[in-house]
Structure formats: structure tokens, C-alpha cells
Amino acid sequence: PGGLGQLAPLEWLDAAAVTGVIAANGYPADVRGGDPITGLEDADALPGVHVLHAGTALAHDADGDHLVAAGGRVLSVVGVGADLPAARAAAYAGVERIGLPGSHHRTDVALLAD
């Protein structure tokens, strides 16, 4: 059996959250993998920003391990704030810190939400 019963109870925040997805070069058709991902530490260090991995992998070379794109929807960047505009600003601040050659993301997530 699983161990969910051993986890602490969920805690809810009185806040808003917005998520922006960073997609790999070529998504949704011919996705190019292996492109290096940079800036994750910078994004994660921002207040209210959380980076979640989806299409990522570790690549190994003479310089060590490097995070690379390995799928279409590579990262989700969650911004949490007092309201939707603050959460949206946090999410996009995180997105802007992340480097992934040829990647793209929507710029209108939660733009019209109220």
C-alpha cells in the first residue's frame, strides 16, 4: 500500500496562483530535444516562484551533468501572489529568467482573468 496516509495534512493558502508553460523548440510538432536549460536557480529564487519539471533530462559530458529539454512541455513556472495580477507577474518573472534555445511560451495566461 501507498504512504499517503503518513503525509501531513494539506495547507491552503489565501492566495492566487498562475502557471506558465515553457515549450521546447518545435512544439507541438517536431520537438527538438537536448537543448540546454539555464536560469532555473535564478527563477526558483524569486519570491512566490516555483519551477516544476516535465520534459527535462540530465545530459552527461566532460563538464559534468547538465539539464536539457527532453519533451514538448519542458517546464511549468508557477507564480503565487496575493491576487491574480501579482501571481501572473511572479510567474512571468520566473519564465523570463529561464533560458532554453528556441523555446516559446504563451504571454496571455491569466491576462483577462479577474
C-alpha atoms as a PDB file:
ATOM      1  CA  PRO A   1       0.000   0.000   0.000  1.00  0.00           C
ATOM      2  CA  GLY A   2       0.989   3.611  -0.526  1.00  0.00           C
ATOM      3  CA  GLY A   3       2.060   6.059   2.125  1.00  0.00           C
ATOM      4  CA  LEU A   4      -0.342   8.950   1.530  1.00  0.00           C
ATOM      5  CA  GLY A   5      -1.851   8.463   4.970  1.00  0.00           C
ATOM      6  CA  GLN A   6       1.513   9.326   6.503  1.00  0.00           C
ATOM      7  CA  LEU A   7       1.742  12.742   4.854  1.00  0.00           C
ATOM      8  CA  ALA A   8       0.951  15.930   6.726  1.00  0.00           C
ATOM      9  CA  PRO A   9      -2.485  17.420   6.013  1.00  0.00           C
ATOM     10  CA  LEU A  10      -2.709  19.852   3.111  1.00  0.00           C
ATOM     11  CA  GLU A  11      -2.454  23.534   3.938  1.00  0.00           C
ATOM     12  CA  TRP A  12      -4.315  26.023   1.760  1.00  0.00           C
ATOM     13  CA  LEU A  13      -3.010  29.498   1.049  1.00  0.00           C
ATOM     14  CA  ASP A  14      -5.254  32.527   0.818  1.00  0.00           C
ATOM     15  CA  ALA A  15      -3.542  33.468  -2.434  1.00  0.00           C
ATOM     16  CA  ALA A  16      -3.760  33.161  -6.202  1.00  0.00           C
ATOM     17  CA  ALA A  17      -1.559  31.078  -8.500  1.00  0.00           C
ATOM     18  CA  VAL A  18      -0.786  31.288 -12.220  1.00  0.00           C
ATOM     19  CA  THR A  19       1.242  28.784 -14.250  1.00  0.00           C
ATOM     20  CA  GLY A  20       3.161  29.459 -17.445  1.00  0.00           C
ATOM     21  CA  VAL A  21       4.478  26.549 -19.518  1.00  0.00           C
ATOM     22  CA  ILE A  22       7.803  26.725 -21.361  1.00  0.00           C
ATOM     23  CA  ALA A  23       7.644  24.572 -24.502  1.00  0.00           C
ATOM     24  CA  ALA A  24      10.589  23.154 -26.438  1.00  0.00           C
ATOM     25  CA  ASN A  25      11.684  24.247 -29.892  1.00  0.00           C
ATOM     26  CA  GLY A  26       9.278  22.781 -32.447  1.00  0.00           C
ATOM     27  CA  TYR A  27       6.438  22.078 -30.014  1.00  0.00           C
ATOM     28  CA  PRO A  28       3.804  20.803 -30.682  1.00  0.00           C
ATOM     29  CA  ALA A  29       5.009  19.186 -33.924  1.00  0.00           C
ATOM     30  CA  ASP A  30       8.672  18.193 -34.275  1.00  0.00           C
ATOM     31  CA  VAL A  31      10.106  18.726 -30.817  1.00  0.00           C
ATOM     32  CA  ARG A  32      13.860  19.172 -30.611  1.00  0.00           C
ATOM     33  CA  GLY A  33      15.420  17.627 -27.514  1.00  0.00           C
ATOM     34  CA  GLY A  34      18.839  18.101 -25.974  1.00  0.00           C
ATOM     35  CA  ASP A  35      18.816  21.895 -25.760  1.00  0.00           C
ATOM     36  CA  PRO A  36      20.404  23.169 -22.517  1.00  0.00           C
ATOM     37  CA  ILE A  37      18.246  24.768 -19.832  1.00  0.00           C
ATOM     38  CA  THR A  38      19.688  27.645 -17.805  1.00  0.00           C
ATOM     39  CA  GLY A  39      18.463  30.048 -15.143  1.00  0.00           C
ATOM     40  CA  LEU A  40      16.465  27.597 -13.044  1.00  0.00           C
ATOM     41  CA  GLU A  41      18.156  28.642  -9.813  1.00  0.00           C
ATOM     42  CA  ASP A  42      17.524  32.313 -10.603  1.00  0.00           C
ATOM     43  CA  ALA A  43      13.846  31.661 -11.291  1.00  0.00           C
ATOM     44  CA  ASP A  44      13.353  29.471  -8.221  1.00  0.00           C
ATOM     45  CA  ALA A  45      14.979  32.129  -6.021  1.00  0.00           C
ATOM     46  CA  LEU A  46      12.287  34.697  -6.859  1.00  0.00           C
ATOM     47  CA  PRO A  47       9.614  35.182  -4.182  1.00  0.00           C
ATOM     48  CA  GLY A  48       6.477  33.203  -4.965  1.00  0.00           C
ATOM     49  CA  VAL A  49       8.008  31.331  -7.917  1.00  0.00           C
ATOM     50  CA  HIS A  50       8.152  27.538  -8.178  1.00  0.00           C
ATOM     51  CA  VAL A  51       9.576  25.668 -11.186  1.00  0.00           C
ATOM     52  CA  LEU A  52       8.142  22.222 -11.953  1.00  0.00           C
ATOM     53  CA  HIS A  53       9.899  19.828 -14.322  1.00  0.00           C
ATOM     54  CA  ALA A  54       8.105  17.850 -17.018  1.00  0.00           C
ATOM     55  CA  GLY A  55      10.121  17.279 -20.208  1.00  0.00           C
ATOM     56  CA  THR A  56      13.614  17.531 -18.740  1.00  0.00           C
ATOM     57  CA  ALA A  57      16.566  15.141 -18.552  1.00  0.00           C
ATOM     58  CA  LEU A  58      20.179  15.096 -17.406  1.00  0.00           C
ATOM     59  CA  ALA A  59      22.841  15.067 -20.094  1.00  0.00           C
ATOM     60  CA  HIS A  60      26.351  13.920 -19.208  1.00  0.00           C
ATOM     61  CA  ASP A  61      29.560  15.201 -20.790  1.00  0.00           C
ATOM     62  CA  ALA A  62      33.148  16.015 -19.843  1.00  0.00           C
ATOM     63  CA  ASP A  63      31.982  19.153 -17.993  1.00  0.00           C
ATOM     64  CA  GLY A  64      29.521  17.220 -15.824  1.00  0.00           C
ATOM     65  CA  ASP A  65      25.752  16.924 -15.736  1.00  0.00           C
ATOM     66  CA  HIS A  66      23.529  19.461 -17.494  1.00  0.00           C
ATOM     67  CA  LEU A  67      19.771  19.803 -17.561  1.00  0.00           C
ATOM     68  CA  VAL A  68      18.343  19.609 -21.086  1.00  0.00           C
ATOM     69  CA  ALA A  69      14.958  19.620 -22.776  1.00  0.00           C
ATOM     70  CA  ALA A  70      13.576  16.136 -23.381  1.00  0.00           C
ATOM     71  CA  GLY A  71       9.962  16.745 -24.323  1.00  0.00           C
ATOM     72  CA  GLY A  72       7.409  19.208 -25.599  1.00  0.00           C
ATOM     73  CA  ARG A  73       6.209  20.889 -22.424  1.00  0.00           C
ATOM     74  CA  VAL A  74       9.524  21.248 -20.656  1.00  0.00           C
ATOM     75  CA  LEU A  75       8.816  23.310 -17.531  1.00  0.00           C
ATOM     76  CA  SER A  76       5.876  24.816 -15.682  1.00  0.00           C
ATOM     77  CA  VAL A  77       6.586  28.031 -13.819  1.00  0.00           C
ATOM     78  CA  VAL A  78       4.110  28.738 -11.031  1.00  0.00           C
ATOM     79  CA  GLY A  79       3.716  32.203  -9.601  1.00  0.00           C
ATOM     80  CA  VAL A  80       1.908  32.737  -6.300  1.00  0.00           C
ATOM     81  CA  GLY A  81       0.707  36.150  -5.174  1.00  0.00           C
ATOM     82  CA  ALA A  82      -1.922  37.993  -3.180  1.00  0.00           C
ATOM     83  CA  ASP A  83      -4.127  38.282  -6.278  1.00  0.00           C
ATOM     84  CA  LEU A  84      -4.106  37.182  -9.930  1.00  0.00           C
ATOM     85  CA  PRO A  85      -2.093  40.149 -11.239  1.00  0.00           C
ATOM     86  CA  ALA A  86       0.608  39.544  -8.611  1.00  0.00           C
ATOM     87  CA  ALA A  87       0.642  35.799  -9.299  1.00  0.00           C
ATOM     88  CA  ARG A  88       0.838  36.416 -13.044  1.00  0.00           C
ATOM     89  CA  ALA A  89       3.712  38.861 -12.589  1.00  0.00           C
ATOM     90  CA  ALA A  90       5.600  36.317 -10.462  1.00  0.00           C
ATOM     91  CA  ALA A  91       5.072  33.505 -12.980  1.00  0.00           C
ATOM     92  CA  TYR A  92       6.278  35.565 -15.924  1.00  0.00           C
ATOM     93  CA  ALA A  93       9.242  36.920 -13.944  1.00  0.00           C
ATOM     94  CA  GLY A  94      10.270  33.291 -13.450  1.00  0.00           C
ATOM     95  CA  VAL A  95       9.715  32.424 -17.107  1.00  0.00           C
ATOM     96  CA  GLU A  96      11.932  35.340 -18.170  1.00  0.00           C
ATOM     97  CA  ARG A  97      14.825  34.082 -16.019  1.00  0.00           C
ATOM     98  CA  ILE A  98      14.901  30.676 -17.739  1.00  0.00           C
ATOM     99  CA  GLY A  99      16.911  30.125 -20.897  1.00  0.00           C
ATOM    100  CA  LEU A 100      16.056  27.392 -23.410  1.00  0.00           C
ATOM    101  CA  PRO A 101      17.114  27.917 -27.049  1.00  0.00           C
ATOM    102  CA  GLY A 102      14.153  28.083 -29.413  1.00  0.00           C
ATOM    103  CA  SER A 103      11.603  27.703 -26.633  1.00  0.00           C
ATOM    104  CA  HIS A 104       8.322  29.531 -26.539  1.00  0.00           C
ATOM    105  CA  HIS A 105       5.529  30.270 -24.085  1.00  0.00           C
ATOM    106  CA  ARG A 106       2.163  31.937 -24.069  1.00  0.00           C
ATOM    107  CA  THR A 107       2.115  35.548 -22.977  1.00  0.00           C
ATOM    108  CA  ASP A 108      -1.598  35.820 -22.242  1.00  0.00           C
ATOM    109  CA  VAL A 109      -2.125  33.361 -19.373  1.00  0.00           C
ATOM    110  CA  ALA A 110      -4.494  34.941 -16.804  1.00  0.00           C
ATOM    111  CA  LEU A 111      -4.313  38.246 -18.661  1.00  0.00           C
ATOM    112  CA  LEU A 112      -8.076  38.717 -18.737  1.00  0.00           C
ATOM    113  CA  ALA A 113      -8.883  36.796 -15.543  1.00  0.00           C
ATOM    114  CA  ASP A 114     -10.377  38.714 -12.697  1.00  0.00           C
END
